[in-house]
Protein backbone atom coordinates (compact mmCIF):
# COMPACT_ATOMS: atom_id res chain seq x y z
CA UNK A 1 -24.56 37.27 -2.02
CA UNK A 2 -26.14 34.24 0.08
CA UNK A 3 -25.97 31.01 -0.57
CA UNK A 4 -29.07 29.51 -2.42
CA UNK A 5 -30.11 26.22 -2.07
CA UNK A 6 -28.78 23.63 -4.40
CA UNK A 7 -30.56 21.81 -7.61
CA UNK A 8 -29.13 18.45 -7.48
CA UNK A 9 -29.00 15.84 -10.06
CA UNK A 10 -30.79 12.21 -8.81
CA UNK A 11 -32.72 9.11 -9.72
CA UNK A 12 -34.34 7.99 -6.46
CA UNK A 13 -36.53 9.74 -3.80
CA UNK A 14 -34.10 10.61 -0.77
CA UNK A 15 -34.76 11.03 3.04
CA UNK A 16 -32.87 13.82 4.43
CA UNK A 17 -31.06 11.81 7.58
CA UNK A 18 -30.61 15.13 9.35
CA UNK A 19 -34.15 16.97 9.20
CA UNK A 20 -35.09 14.77 12.62
CA UNK A 21 -31.73 15.18 14.22
CA UNK A 22 -31.85 19.16 13.83
CA UNK A 23 -35.50 19.25 16.20
CA UNK A 24 -34.38 16.00 18.01
CA UNK A 25 -31.89 15.44 21.35
CA UNK A 26 -28.63 13.73 19.85
CA UNK A 27 -28.24 11.90 22.90
CA UNK A 28 -31.92 10.58 22.52
CA UNK A 29 -30.65 9.46 19.45
CA UNK A 30 -27.17 7.51 20.15
CA UNK A 31 -29.37 6.23 22.79
CA UNK A 32 -32.83 5.10 20.37
CA UNK A 33 -33.29 0.75 21.04
CA UNK A 34 -30.98 -0.27 17.85
CA UNK A 35 -32.11 -3.65 16.38
CA UNK A 36 -30.36 -4.20 13.08
CA UNK A 37 -31.68 -6.34 9.96
CA UNK A 38 -29.51 -9.63 10.78
CA UNK A 39 -28.14 -12.49 7.93
CA UNK A 40 -30.52 -15.49 8.93
CA UNK A 41 -28.26 -18.11 8.94
CA UNK A 42 -25.80 -15.65 11.59
CA UNK A 43 -24.11 -17.53 14.17
CA UNK A 44 -23.58 -15.57 17.60
CA UNK A 45 -20.40 -13.96 17.70
CA UNK A 46 -18.94 -11.49 19.50
CA UNK A 47 -15.26 -9.92 17.80
CA UNK A 48 -12.52 -12.22 20.48
CA UNK A 49 -14.86 -15.00 19.58
CA UNK A 50 -13.70 -14.56 15.92
CA UNK A 51 -10.34 -14.52 16.17
CA UNK A 52 -10.16 -17.25 17.94
CA UNK A 53 -11.69 -19.42 15.05
CA UNK A 54 -9.82 -17.35 12.90
CA UNK A 55 -6.14 -18.48 14.37
CA UNK A 56 -7.71 -22.20 15.09
CA UNK A 57 -9.02 -22.67 11.11
CA UNK A 58 -7.76 -25.83 9.11
CA UNK A 59 -6.44 -22.81 7.12
CA UNK A 60 -4.02 -20.94 9.03
CA UNK A 61 -2.72 -24.38 10.61
CA UNK A 62 -1.84 -25.43 7.54
CA UNK A 63 0.23 -22.21 6.36
CA UNK A 64 1.71 -22.16 9.49
CA UNK A 65 3.26 -25.62 9.31
CA UNK A 66 3.91 -24.42 5.43
CA UNK A 67 5.91 -22.39 6.84
CA UNK A 68 7.53 -23.37 9.26
CA UNK A 69 8.81 -26.16 7.15
CA UNK A 70 9.77 -23.80 4.20
CA UNK A 71 11.70 -21.87 6.91
CA UNK A 72 13.08 -23.88 9.41
CA UNK A 73 11.40 -22.69 12.34
CA UNK A 74 8.99 -23.45 15.49
CA UNK A 75 5.20 -23.63 14.26
CA UNK A 76 5.24 -21.78 17.55
CA UNK A 77 6.93 -18.75 16.06
CA UNK A 78 4.56 -18.24 13.48
CA UNK A 79 1.83 -19.10 15.37
CA UNK A 80 2.82 -15.85 17.51
CA UNK A 81 3.42 -13.59 15.02
CA UNK A 82 -0.66 -14.76 12.83
CA UNK A 83 -2.01 -13.55 16.32
CA UNK A 84 0.35 -10.48 16.61
CA UNK A 85 -0.32 -9.93 13.15
CA UNK A 86 -4.58 -10.54 13.83
CA UNK A 87 -4.59 -8.17 17.40
CA UNK A 88 -2.75 -5.63 14.73
CA UNK A 89 -5.86 -5.82 12.71
CA UNK A 90 -8.94 -7.05 13.90
CA UNK A 91 -11.81 -5.06 14.82
CA UNK A 92 -13.67 -5.00 18.85
CA UNK A 93 -17.22 -4.17 17.52
CA UNK A 94 -18.71 -2.75 20.15
CA UNK A 95 -22.21 -0.91 20.84
CA UNK A 96 -21.54 1.89 23.39
CA UNK A 97 -18.82 2.81 20.64
CA UNK A 98 -21.43 2.55 17.84
CA UNK A 99 -23.78 4.99 19.99
CA UNK A 100 -20.41 7.35 21.07
CA UNK A 101 -19.83 8.10 17.26
CA UNK A 102 -23.25 8.45 16.95
CA UNK A 103 -23.64 10.99 19.05
CA UNK A 104 -20.37 12.58 18.32
CA UNK A 105 -21.19 12.48 14.16
CA UNK A 106 -24.92 13.62 14.95
CA UNK A 107 -23.39 17.22 16.48
CA UNK A 108 -20.29 17.39 13.90
CA UNK A 109 -23.08 16.45 10.86
CA UNK A 110 -25.06 18.96 11.47
CA UNK A 111 -23.18 22.16 11.56
CA UNK A 112 -20.63 21.34 8.54
CA UNK A 113 -23.45 19.57 5.98
CA UNK A 114 -27.07 21.38 4.75
CA UNK A 115 -28.16 17.54 4.60
CA UNK A 116 -27.70 14.11 3.62
CA UNK A 117 -29.58 12.83 0.67
CA UNK A 118 -30.41 9.06 0.85
CA UNK A 119 -32.43 7.29 -1.48
CA UNK A 120 -35.42 5.24 0.24
CA UNK A 121 -35.59 2.47 -2.37
CA UNK A 122 -31.68 1.90 -1.16
CA UNK A 123 -32.54 0.84 2.06
CA UNK A 124 -35.41 -0.89 1.46
CA UNK A 125 -33.26 -3.56 -0.63
CA UNK A 126 -30.53 -3.17 1.75
CA UNK A 127 -32.14 -3.98 4.80
CA UNK A 128 -34.03 -7.24 2.76
CA UNK A 129 -30.07 -8.52 1.35
CA UNK A 130 -29.24 -8.20 4.53
CA UNK A 131 -31.15 -10.66 5.95
CA UNK A 132 -30.90 -13.01 2.88
CA UNK A 133 -27.07 -13.73 2.08
CA UNK A 134 -23.66 -11.84 3.22
CA UNK A 135 -23.10 -8.62 2.22
CA UNK A 136 -20.22 -6.92 1.15
CA UNK A 137 -20.57 -3.03 0.57
CA UNK A 138 -18.52 -1.44 -2.16
CA UNK A 139 -18.73 2.48 -1.98
CA UNK A 140 -16.90 4.86 -3.64
CA UNK A 141 -14.06 6.73 -2.52
CA UNK A 142 -13.62 10.49 -2.36
CA UNK A 143 -13.28 12.14 1.07
CA UNK A 144 -12.01 10.53 4.26
CA UNK A 145 -15.15 11.26 5.86
CA UNK A 146 -16.99 8.52 3.67
CA UNK A 147 -16.97 5.50 5.91
CA UNK A 148 -18.09 7.83 8.90
CA UNK A 149 -21.28 9.25 6.55
CA UNK A 150 -21.74 5.45 5.67
CA UNK A 151 -21.69 3.80 9.12
CA UNK A 152 -23.90 7.15 10.62
CA UNK A 153 -26.84 6.48 7.91
CA UNK A 154 -26.38 2.07 9.15
CA UNK A 155 -27.38 3.74 12.33
CA UNK A 156 -30.04 5.51 11.31
CA UNK A 157 -31.96 3.03 9.91
CA UNK A 158 -31.46 0.52 11.87
CA UNK A 159 -28.78 -1.38 9.85
CA UNK A 160 -26.34 -3.47 10.88
CA UNK A 161 -23.28 -1.36 11.50
CA UNK A 162 -20.17 -2.16 8.53
CA UNK A 163 -16.88 -3.85 9.78
CA UNK A 164 -15.13 -1.32 7.87
CA UNK A 165 -11.54 -2.25 6.12
CA UNK A 166 -9.04 0.64 7.15
CA UNK A 167 -5.53 1.64 6.50
CA UNK A 168 -2.85 4.10 8.54
CA UNK A 169 -4.69 6.56 11.80
CA UNK A 170 -3.13 3.52 14.11
CA UNK A 171 -1.01 6.75 14.92
CA UNK A 172 -3.69 8.59 16.67
CA UNK A 173 -4.37 6.10 19.51
CA UNK A 174 -7.54 7.11 20.85
CA UNK A 175 -9.28 7.53 17.93
CA UNK A 176 -7.93 4.25 16.16
CA UNK A 177 -9.05 2.85 19.36
CA UNK A 178 -12.88 4.58 18.67
CA UNK A 179 -13.27 3.01 15.41
CA UNK A 180 -11.84 0.02 15.84
CA UNK A 181 -14.76 -0.20 18.40
CA UNK A 182 -17.18 0.78 16.06
CA UNK A 183 -16.08 -1.95 13.63
CA UNK A 184 -12.79 -0.19 11.59
CA UNK A 185 -10.11 -3.45 10.44
CA UNK A 186 -7.12 -2.05 10.16
CA UNK A 187 -5.34 -3.17 6.62
CA UNK A 188 -1.65 -2.85 6.76
CA UNK A 189 -0.33 -0.23 3.38
CA UNK A 190 2.15 -2.65 2.17
CA UNK A 191 1.61 -5.99 2.11
CA UNK A 192 3.33 -7.57 -0.70
CA UNK A 193 4.25 -11.09 -0.56
CA UNK A 194 3.73 -11.59 3.25
CA UNK A 195 2.11 -14.94 3.02
CA UNK A 196 1.50 -15.22 7.07
CA UNK A 197 -0.41 -11.83 6.78
CA UNK A 198 -1.95 -12.84 3.92
CA UNK A 199 -3.43 -15.65 5.15
CA UNK A 200 -4.63 -13.94 8.17
CA UNK A 201 -6.47 -11.12 6.49
CA UNK A 202 -7.79 -13.83 4.42
CA UNK A 203 -9.42 -16.08 7.17
CA UNK A 204 -10.48 -13.56 8.66
CA UNK A 205 -12.90 -11.36 6.04
CA UNK A 206 -13.78 -15.81 5.38
CA UNK A 207 -14.78 -15.91 9.19
CA UNK A 208 -16.88 -13.07 8.91
CA UNK A 209 -18.46 -14.24 5.58
CA UNK A 210 -19.10 -17.73 7.58
CA UNK A 211 -20.43 -16.19 10.35
CA UNK A 212 -22.74 -13.79 8.92
CA UNK A 213 -20.63 -11.61 12.07
CA UNK A 214 -21.66 -7.91 10.14
CA UNK A 215 -21.08 -6.76 6.77
CA UNK A 216 -17.88 -5.94 4.90
CA UNK A 217 -17.39 -2.48 3.40
CA UNK A 218 -13.49 -1.70 1.51
CA UNK A 219 -13.10 0.59 -1.74
CA UNK A 220 -12.88 -1.29 -4.67
CA UNK A 221 -10.65 1.44 -6.34
CA UNK A 222 -8.25 0.45 -3.03
CA UNK A 223 -7.39 3.59 -2.53
CA UNK A 224 -8.80 7.55 -1.67
CA UNK A 225 -8.65 9.25 -5.28
CA UNK A 226 -7.80 12.43 -4.66
CA UNK A 227 -8.54 13.76 -8.63
CA UNK A 228 -11.64 12.47 -8.19
CA UNK A 229 -11.59 10.56 -11.29
CA UNK A 230 -12.81 6.95 -11.19
CA UNK A 231 -9.23 4.76 -9.96
CA UNK A 232 -9.06 1.12 -11.61
CA UNK A 233 -10.18 -2.06 -9.13
CA UNK A 234 -7.93 -3.73 -7.11
CA UNK A 235 -8.78 -7.21 -5.97
CA UNK A 236 -7.16 -8.21 -3.60
CA UNK A 237 -10.04 -8.47 -0.98
CA UNK A 238 -12.53 -9.13 -3.33
CA UNK A 239 -10.29 -11.77 -4.91
CA UNK A 240 -11.16 -13.37 -1.43
CA UNK A 241 -14.89 -12.49 -1.15
CA UNK A 242 -14.60 -14.45 -4.36
CA UNK A 243 -12.57 -16.76 -3.34
CA UNK A 244 -14.84 -18.06 -0.35
CA UNK A 245 -18.06 -18.73 -2.75
CA UNK A 246 -16.06 -20.28 -5.13
CA UNK A 247 -15.19 -22.86 -2.28
CA UNK A 248 -18.27 -23.11 -0.99
CA UNK A 249 -18.25 -21.49 2.54
CA UNK A 250 -20.43 -19.12 1.80
CA UNK A 251 -24.03 -20.18 -0.61
CA UNK A 252 -23.68 -16.82 -1.79
CA UNK A 253 -22.35 -12.90 -1.75
CA UNK A 254 -24.56 -9.80 -2.08
CA UNK A 255 -22.45 -7.42 -3.61
CA UNK A 256 -23.60 -3.46 -3.10
CA UNK A 257 -21.97 -0.56 -4.85
CA UNK A 258 -22.50 2.75 -2.86
CA UNK A 259 -22.43 6.31 -4.86
CA UNK A 260 -20.65 9.31 -2.27
CA UNK A 261 -20.98 12.30 -3.57
CA UNK A 262 -20.24 15.53 -1.84
CA UNK A 263 -21.34 19.29 -2.77
CA UNK A 264 -18.64 20.13 -1.22
CA UNK A 265 -15.78 17.52 -0.32
CA UNK A 266 -14.58 18.74 3.61
CA UNK A 267 -10.79 17.57 2.33
CA UNK A 268 -10.92 19.48 -0.74
CA UNK A 269 -7.73 21.58 -0.56
CA UNK A 270 -5.97 18.38 1.26
CA UNK A 271 -6.61 16.86 -1.68
CA UNK A 272 -5.13 19.43 -4.24
CA UNK A 273 -2.17 19.92 -1.65
CA UNK A 274 -1.46 15.68 -1.96
CA UNK A 275 -1.55 16.43 -6.52
CA UNK A 276 1.33 19.12 -5.42
CA UNK A 277 3.45 17.12 -3.93
CA UNK A 278 3.62 18.85 -0.24
CA UNK A 279 4.39 16.84 2.41
CA UNK A 280 1.86 14.70 4.20
CA UNK A 281 0.39 16.32 7.15
CA UNK A 282 1.48 14.44 9.99
CA UNK A 283 -1.49 12.06 11.28
CA UNK A 284 -1.49 13.07 14.87
CA UNK A 285 -4.00 14.31 17.75
CA UNK A 286 -2.66 18.25 17.05
CA UNK A 287 -3.06 17.56 13.49
CA UNK A 288 -7.03 16.47 14.57
CA UNK A 289 -7.55 19.18 17.00
CA UNK A 290 -6.07 21.68 14.40
CA UNK A 291 -9.08 20.45 11.70
CA UNK A 292 -11.95 21.59 14.22
CA UNK A 293 -11.93 24.60 11.76
CA UNK A 294 -13.81 23.23 9.49
CA UNK A 295 -17.02 23.05 12.11
CA UNK A 296 -17.50 26.10 11.19
CA UNK A 297 -17.70 26.04 7.22
CA UNK A 298 -20.19 25.41 4.93
CA UNK A 299 -20.17 22.03 2.83
CA UNK A 300 -23.29 21.73 0.84
CA UNK A 301 -24.92 18.44 1.12
CA UNK A 302 -23.55 14.48 0.98
CA UNK A 303 -25.64 12.04 -1.45
CA UNK A 304 -25.30 8.47 -0.63
CA UNK A 305 -27.19 6.86 -3.02
CA UNK A 306 -26.95 2.45 -2.38
CA UNK A 307 -27.41 0.17 -5.62
CA UNK A 308 -29.09 -2.67 -6.90
CA UNK A 309 -27.67 -5.94 -5.14
CA UNK A 310 -26.01 -8.23 -6.56
CA UNK A 311 -25.65 -11.71 -6.46
CA UNK A 312 -21.82 -12.74 -6.89
CA UNK A 313 -23.38 -16.11 -7.45
CA UNK A 314 -25.29 -14.97 -10.77
CA UNK A 315 -22.28 -13.13 -11.61
CA UNK A 316 -19.94 -16.22 -11.70
CA UNK A 317 -22.52 -18.61 -13.40
CA UNK A 318 -21.59 -19.00 -17.38
CA UNK A 319 -18.29 -16.67 -16.54
CA UNK A 320 -15.88 -19.29 -14.54
CA UNK A 321 -15.23 -22.90 -14.16
CA UNK A 322 -16.60 -24.05 -11.28
CA UNK A 323 -15.47 -27.87 -11.45
CA UNK A 324 -12.20 -27.74 -10.93
CA UNK A 325 -12.89 -26.84 -7.41
CA UNK A 326 -13.82 -29.93 -6.51
CA UNK A 327 -10.71 -30.70 -7.04
CA UNK A 328 -8.08 -27.81 -6.51
CA UNK A 329 -5.84 -28.01 -2.93
CA UNK A 330 -8.28 -26.10 -0.80
CA UNK A 331 -5.57 -24.43 1.09
CA UNK A 332 -4.42 -22.90 -3.27
CA UNK A 333 -4.84 -19.59 -2.91
CA UNK A 334 -3.13 -18.01 -6.13
CA UNK A 335 -5.88 -17.48 -8.48
CA UNK A 336 -6.05 -18.49 -11.97
CA UNK A 337 -5.95 -16.03 -15.27
CA UNK A 338 -9.76 -17.14 -15.89
CA UNK A 339 -10.15 -15.91 -11.75
CA UNK A 340 -8.40 -12.51 -12.58
CA UNK A 341 -10.29 -11.88 -15.73
CA UNK A 342 -13.19 -12.43 -13.46
CA UNK A 343 -12.58 -10.30 -10.53
CA UNK A 344 -11.20 -7.62 -12.91
CA UNK A 345 -14.47 -7.25 -14.98
CA UNK A 346 -16.79 -7.86 -11.89
CA UNK A 347 -14.52 -4.84 -10.49
CA UNK A 348 -14.93 -2.33 -13.49
CA UNK A 349 -18.51 -3.58 -12.98
CA UNK A 350 -18.87 -2.30 -9.53
CA UNK A 351 -17.18 0.54 -10.48
CA UNK A 352 -19.49 1.51 -13.46
CA UNK A 353 -22.52 0.62 -11.00
CA UNK A 354 -20.49 3.72 -9.12
CA UNK A 355 -20.07 6.23 -11.69
CA UNK A 356 -24.60 5.59 -12.89
CA UNK A 357 -25.49 6.53 -9.39
CA UNK A 358 -23.60 9.14 -8.78
CA UNK A 359 -25.40 12.60 -7.62
CA UNK A 360 -23.71 15.84 -10.19
CA UNK A 361 -24.82 19.12 -8.61
CA UNK A 362 -23.94 21.98 -10.02
CA UNK A 363 -21.35 23.42 -9.45
CA UNK A 364 -19.92 20.13 -11.23
CA UNK A 365 -21.33 21.43 -14.60
CA UNK A 366 -19.83 25.65 -13.40
CA UNK A 367 -15.92 23.79 -13.46
CA UNK A 368 -16.25 22.65 -16.13
CA UNK A 369 -16.92 25.22 -17.77
CA UNK A 370 -14.51 27.09 -15.98
CA UNK A 371 -11.86 24.52 -16.51
CA UNK A 372 -12.46 26.23 -20.01
CA UNK A 373 -11.52 29.07 -19.06
CA UNK A 374 -15.09 30.39 -19.87
CA UNK A 375 -16.98 33.09 -17.48
CA UNK A 376 -20.19 32.19 -15.59
CA UNK A 377 -22.90 33.41 -13.10
CA UNK A 378 -22.14 31.31 -9.34
CA UNK A 379 -22.26 32.03 -6.22
CA UNK A 380 -20.73 29.00 -4.55
CA UNK A 381 -17.16 27.69 -3.45
CA UNK A 382 -16.08 31.12 -2.42
CA UNK A 383 -12.61 29.78 -2.07
CA UNK A 384 -12.40 28.76 -5.47
CA UNK A 385 -14.08 31.52 -7.73
CA UNK A 386 -15.10 35.04 -6.30
CA UNK A 387 -17.49 36.98 -8.03
CA UNK A 388 -16.36 40.31 -9.23
CA UNK A 389 -19.07 42.91 -10.81
CA UNK A 390 -21.75 40.27 -11.38
CA UNK A 391 -19.15 37.55 -13.07
CA UNK A 392 -17.91 34.17 -11.68
CA UNK A 393 -13.89 33.11 -11.86
CA UNK A 394 -10.68 31.87 -10.41
CA UNK A 395 -9.47 32.86 -7.27
CA UNK A 396 -5.81 33.78 -8.37
CA UNK A 397 -5.20 36.94 -6.93
CA UNK A 398 -2.13 38.02 -5.67
CA UNK A 399 -1.37 40.00 -2.83
CA UNK A 400 1.08 43.28 -2.45
CA UNK A 401 2.96 41.56 0.42
CA UNK A 402 2.80 37.39 -1.25
CA UNK A 403 5.88 36.04 -2.72
CA UNK A 404 5.70 35.07 -6.60
CA UNK A 405 6.06 31.32 -5.66
CA UNK A 406 3.13 31.29 -3.16
CA UNK A 407 1.07 32.67 -5.57
CA UNK A 408 1.92 30.19 -7.88
CA UNK A 409 1.32 27.49 -5.58
CA UNK A 410 -1.86 29.47 -4.34
CA UNK A 411 -3.02 29.54 -8.48
CA UNK A 412 -2.11 25.61 -8.32
CA UNK A 413 -4.16 24.98 -5.81
CA UNK A 414 -7.60 27.17 -6.96
CA UNK A 415 -6.50 25.18 -10.29
CA UNK A 416 -6.50 21.77 -9.07
CA UNK A 417 -9.27 22.59 -6.89
CA UNK A 418 -11.46 23.02 -9.65
CA UNK A 419 -10.41 20.18 -11.62
CA UNK A 420 -11.43 17.83 -9.27
CA UNK A 421 -15.25 19.20 -9.30
CA UNK A 422 -14.77 18.28 -13.16
CA UNK A 423 -13.43 15.16 -13.10
CA UNK A 424 -16.52 13.89 -11.30
CA UNK A 425 -18.31 13.65 -15.17
CA UNK A 426 -15.33 12.74 -17.09
CA UNK A 427 -16.61 9.30 -17.41
CA UNK A 428 -19.68 10.65 -19.22
CA UNK A 429 -17.63 12.48 -21.38
CA UNK A 430 -15.14 9.65 -21.80
CA UNK A 431 -16.24 7.58 -24.76
CA UNK A 432 -17.64 10.00 -26.79
CA UNK A 433 -14.67 11.73 -26.66
CA UNK A 434 -12.75 8.58 -27.89
CA UNK A 435 -15.11 8.18 -30.31
CA UNK A 436 -14.71 11.38 -31.88
CA UNK A 437 -11.02 11.23 -31.78
CA UNK A 438 -11.44 7.99 -33.93
CA UNK A 439 -13.51 10.19 -36.04
CA UNK A 440 -10.82 12.37 -36.40
CA UNK A 441 -7.66 10.22 -36.76
CA UNK A 442 -9.56 8.09 -39.65
CA UNK A 443 -10.53 10.37 -42.01
CA UNK A 444 -13.25 7.88 -43.23
CA UNK A 445 -17.45 7.16 -42.63
CA UNK A 446 -17.39 3.79 -42.37
CA UNK A 447 -18.45 3.18 -39.04
CA UNK A 448 -16.13 -0.49 -38.73
CA UNK A 449 -12.97 1.67 -40.15
CA UNK A 450 -13.88 4.36 -37.08
CA UNK A 451 -15.12 1.53 -34.49
CA UNK A 452 -11.26 -0.23 -35.10
CA UNK A 453 -9.58 3.10 -34.06
CA UNK A 454 -11.63 3.62 -31.41
CA UNK A 455 -10.94 0.10 -30.07
CA UNK A 456 -7.63 1.58 -30.29
CA UNK A 457 -7.71 3.73 -28.48
CA UNK A 458 -9.63 1.91 -25.54
CA UNK A 459 -7.26 0.19 -24.74
CA UNK A 460 -4.65 2.81 -24.96
CA UNK A 461 -6.02 4.32 -22.22
CA UNK A 462 -7.49 1.29 -20.37
CA UNK A 463 -5.51 2.14 -17.54
CA UNK A 464 -6.49 5.11 -16.97
CA UNK A 465 -10.58 4.93 -16.98
CA UNK A 466 -12.30 2.23 -16.88
CA UNK A 467 -13.69 0.10 -18.89
CA UNK A 468 -16.09 -2.88 -18.92
CA UNK A 469 -13.74 -5.48 -20.40
CA UNK A 470 -15.05 -6.99 -23.56
CA UNK A 471 -17.78 -3.98 -24.27
CA UNK A 472 -16.12 -2.03 -26.46
CA UNK A 473 -18.37 -2.24 -29.55
CA UNK A 474 -21.87 -1.82 -27.01
CA UNK A 475 -19.01 0.81 -25.97
CA UNK A 476 -18.97 2.93 -29.56
CA UNK A 477 -22.60 2.55 -30.31
CA UNK A 478 -23.44 4.46 -26.76
CA UNK A 479 -20.55 7.59 -28.03
CA UNK A 480 -22.12 7.02 -31.81
CA UNK A 481 -25.71 7.35 -30.33
CA UNK A 482 -24.47 10.37 -27.46
CA UNK A 483 -22.51 12.47 -30.47
CA UNK A 484 -25.59 12.03 -32.73
CA UNK A 485 -28.08 13.10 -30.13
CA UNK A 486 -25.47 16.11 -29.14
CA UNK A 487 -25.55 17.65 -32.68
CA UNK A 488 -22.08 16.41 -33.11
CA UNK A 489 -22.82 13.59 -35.77
CA UNK A 490 -25.30 11.90 -38.28
CA UNK A 491 -25.36 8.34 -38.43
CA UNK A 492 -26.78 5.94 -40.96
CA UNK A 493 -26.50 2.07 -41.50
CA UNK A 494 -22.48 2.16 -42.32
CA UNK A 495 -21.42 5.40 -41.85
CA UNK A 496 -20.87 8.50 -39.63
CA UNK A 497 -20.90 12.09 -40.66
CA UNK A 498 -19.83 15.22 -39.23
CA UNK A 499 -22.17 17.65 -39.39
CA UNK A 500 -22.29 21.72 -39.53
CA UNK A 501 -22.09 21.86 -36.19
CA UNK A 502 -19.82 19.15 -35.44
CA UNK A 503 -16.47 20.71 -35.34
CA UNK A 504 -17.73 23.10 -32.67
CA UNK A 505 -19.27 20.30 -30.20
CA UNK A 506 -16.01 18.32 -30.73
CA UNK A 507 -14.23 21.19 -29.60
CA UNK A 508 -16.22 21.56 -26.54
CA UNK A 509 -16.00 17.42 -25.75
CA UNK A 510 -12.19 17.17 -25.74
CA UNK A 511 -11.35 20.59 -24.43
CA UNK A 512 -13.04 18.93 -20.88
CA UNK A 513 -10.32 16.67 -21.07
CA UNK A 514 -8.09 19.76 -21.35
CA UNK A 515 -5.26 19.37 -18.42
CA UNK A 516 -5.25 21.85 -15.73
CA UNK A 517 -2.71 23.02 -15.17
CA UNK A 518 0.84 21.75 -16.77
CA UNK A 519 2.64 21.79 -13.11
CA UNK A 520 0.54 18.82 -12.47
CA UNK A 521 2.49 16.89 -14.52
CA UNK A 522 5.12 16.92 -12.26
CA UNK A 523 2.84 14.42 -9.62
CA UNK A 524 0.96 11.99 -11.69
CA UNK A 525 0.35 9.24 -8.93
CA UNK A 526 -3.04 9.77 -8.82
CA UNK A 527 -4.88 9.44 -11.98
CA UNK A 528 -3.50 13.33 -13.14
CA UNK A 529 -0.67 11.59 -15.07
CA UNK A 530 -3.22 10.51 -18.57
CA UNK A 531 -4.42 14.15 -18.64
CA UNK A 532 -0.58 13.96 -20.16
CA UNK A 533 -0.77 12.61 -22.75
CA UNK A 534 -4.50 12.19 -23.51
CA UNK A 535 -4.12 16.00 -24.14
CA UNK A 536 -1.62 16.00 -26.72
CA UNK A 537 -4.06 13.26 -28.81
CA UNK A 538 -6.44 15.85 -28.46
CA UNK A 539 -4.66 19.05 -29.11
CA UNK A 540 -4.21 17.48 -33.11
CA UNK A 541 -7.78 16.59 -33.18
CA UNK A 542 -8.08 20.28 -32.65
CA UNK A 543 -5.85 21.77 -34.76
CA UNK A 544 -7.25 19.69 -37.62
CA UNK A 545 -10.79 20.19 -36.29
CA UNK A 546 -9.69 23.94 -37.48
CA UNK A 547 -8.05 23.11 -40.45
CA UNK A 548 -11.57 21.36 -41.79
CA UNK A 549 -12.96 24.80 -40.71
CA UNK A 550 -10.07 26.39 -43.00
CA UNK A 551 -11.10 23.48 -45.92
CA UNK A 552 -14.72 24.59 -46.06
CA UNK A 553 -13.26 28.48 -47.38
CA UNK A 554 -10.54 27.70 -49.20
CA UNK A 555 -12.05 25.03 -51.94
CA UNK A 556 -11.85 21.42 -52.36
CA UNK A 557 -8.21 21.46 -53.79
CA UNK A 558 -6.73 23.23 -51.19
CA UNK A 559 -8.72 21.21 -48.70
CA UNK A 560 -7.32 17.79 -50.14
CA UNK A 561 -3.97 18.91 -49.25
CA UNK A 562 -3.90 20.22 -46.65
CA UNK A 563 -6.19 16.91 -44.88
CA UNK A 564 -3.05 14.78 -47.12
CA UNK A 565 -0.57 16.77 -44.88
CA UNK A 566 -2.37 16.74 -41.49
CA UNK A 567 -3.06 12.56 -41.91
CA UNK A 568 0.27 12.60 -42.08
CA UNK A 569 1.11 14.54 -39.33
CA UNK A 570 -1.32 12.26 -37.44
CA UNK A 571 0.28 9.57 -38.41
CA UNK A 572 3.34 10.09 -37.11
CA UNK A 573 2.31 11.55 -33.46
CA UNK A 574 0.64 7.86 -32.93
CA UNK A 575 3.16 5.90 -33.87
């Protein structure tokens, strides 16, 4: 069956950046006149000049003298260490490397993607933001392709190529050199409490902001989400950016949330292998060479949504006491509790903006249904689903010569891959699911009682899902409104009651969070641990719904008896 064009759910009008690439020369594209929009207060600065400014800064001299006193070693020893750290870390941005990468990526992307869509309104907003203030780009992170595809789009639209916080890839010398000359700066995976390293990183980022060197790009989630569920924000780099503003090193910083979604990620199988705990493929030129097989596959459409620029200055006003920064030591980098709360709130807000602008492909909806063991028609993702007699089901057949272990692994990869697509819409259903759980647990109709239980559940799962701090009441109202729209509940001023179809609707919503396989609970380092606890609670709710349905048949006396027993059971489980 042929692969039909997908219908993607989006908002703004979008352009396909590959459309022109298919009818014009890639070499001409790489050698085009490149005149990006530059920050109006930017100072001319090369990468070598940037490193000299960092090493000669008052902040670095202060930290080096401090460490010299603490350890009783010459300051020159720590200065050499700082120089080595910066050499390992810093980018070496050069236009020739950007052109080479643009030529290569144009060739690759035309083969693996049908189209790359970008919202045109976002491009225009970003052009204005780039000229007004230093810009920090905050994309979500779902694939190794993320930073490549974003840099390709920036080059296409004559936007200033960002410098990108990257981890790993240093083992592949040729690739790391090309990427470094294309804007990547490398951060160690484990920094810990290394005061000198933090000082170099902090001063490097702040200097780029002050000089208007280039837009800075990093992932607010801190790492690639292998489960495709939004991860809690990591606040290290966001703290450095905020600190530069609070200490008046820059007048303002513009934060731009970016949503990158794939109809089919290039590294989808790799994600499943990581979740299963299989040994990670060592980064090498040989591994990169073997990956060329993806060039013969179809990965559909990639969509990039550049969100509304957000002023850091506007976020800080009213939330942070700025007067303290007139008195505090200029080189004190330990954030106060007030700043930590602000950073966490800002990080969660950026992730929410990313989620709001994600593009949902039809297969995400189909995967959600498939994970509930229902059968649908589809003609996509042959490695995950197969068409048998006009029906679509998960690929799990066992070859005659295959071992049980091999078959089990293949099945686990299939199910986990399918669950990754489903996880892309969990943020839409998590609040209604919590509201439904609260309604079931309390076994009451008073809105205030249900809200108290909802707040408890939201706090319980706050380490697994991203909730905006202090926004529980609004989240609850929104969740109830959605349940009402879906016909699950009726809402009055003070009460919330299940409708006749409510149990069925709630059963469907809660089933979305059913774990893909209990095999995954052994490998819970990237967002799948939540499914075990979440499903155990949901299981209680599903039992309650089934009992509720039987109560209608058995009569009021039986209903009261069963309801009382069920409440006792739930209370014990919650405790």
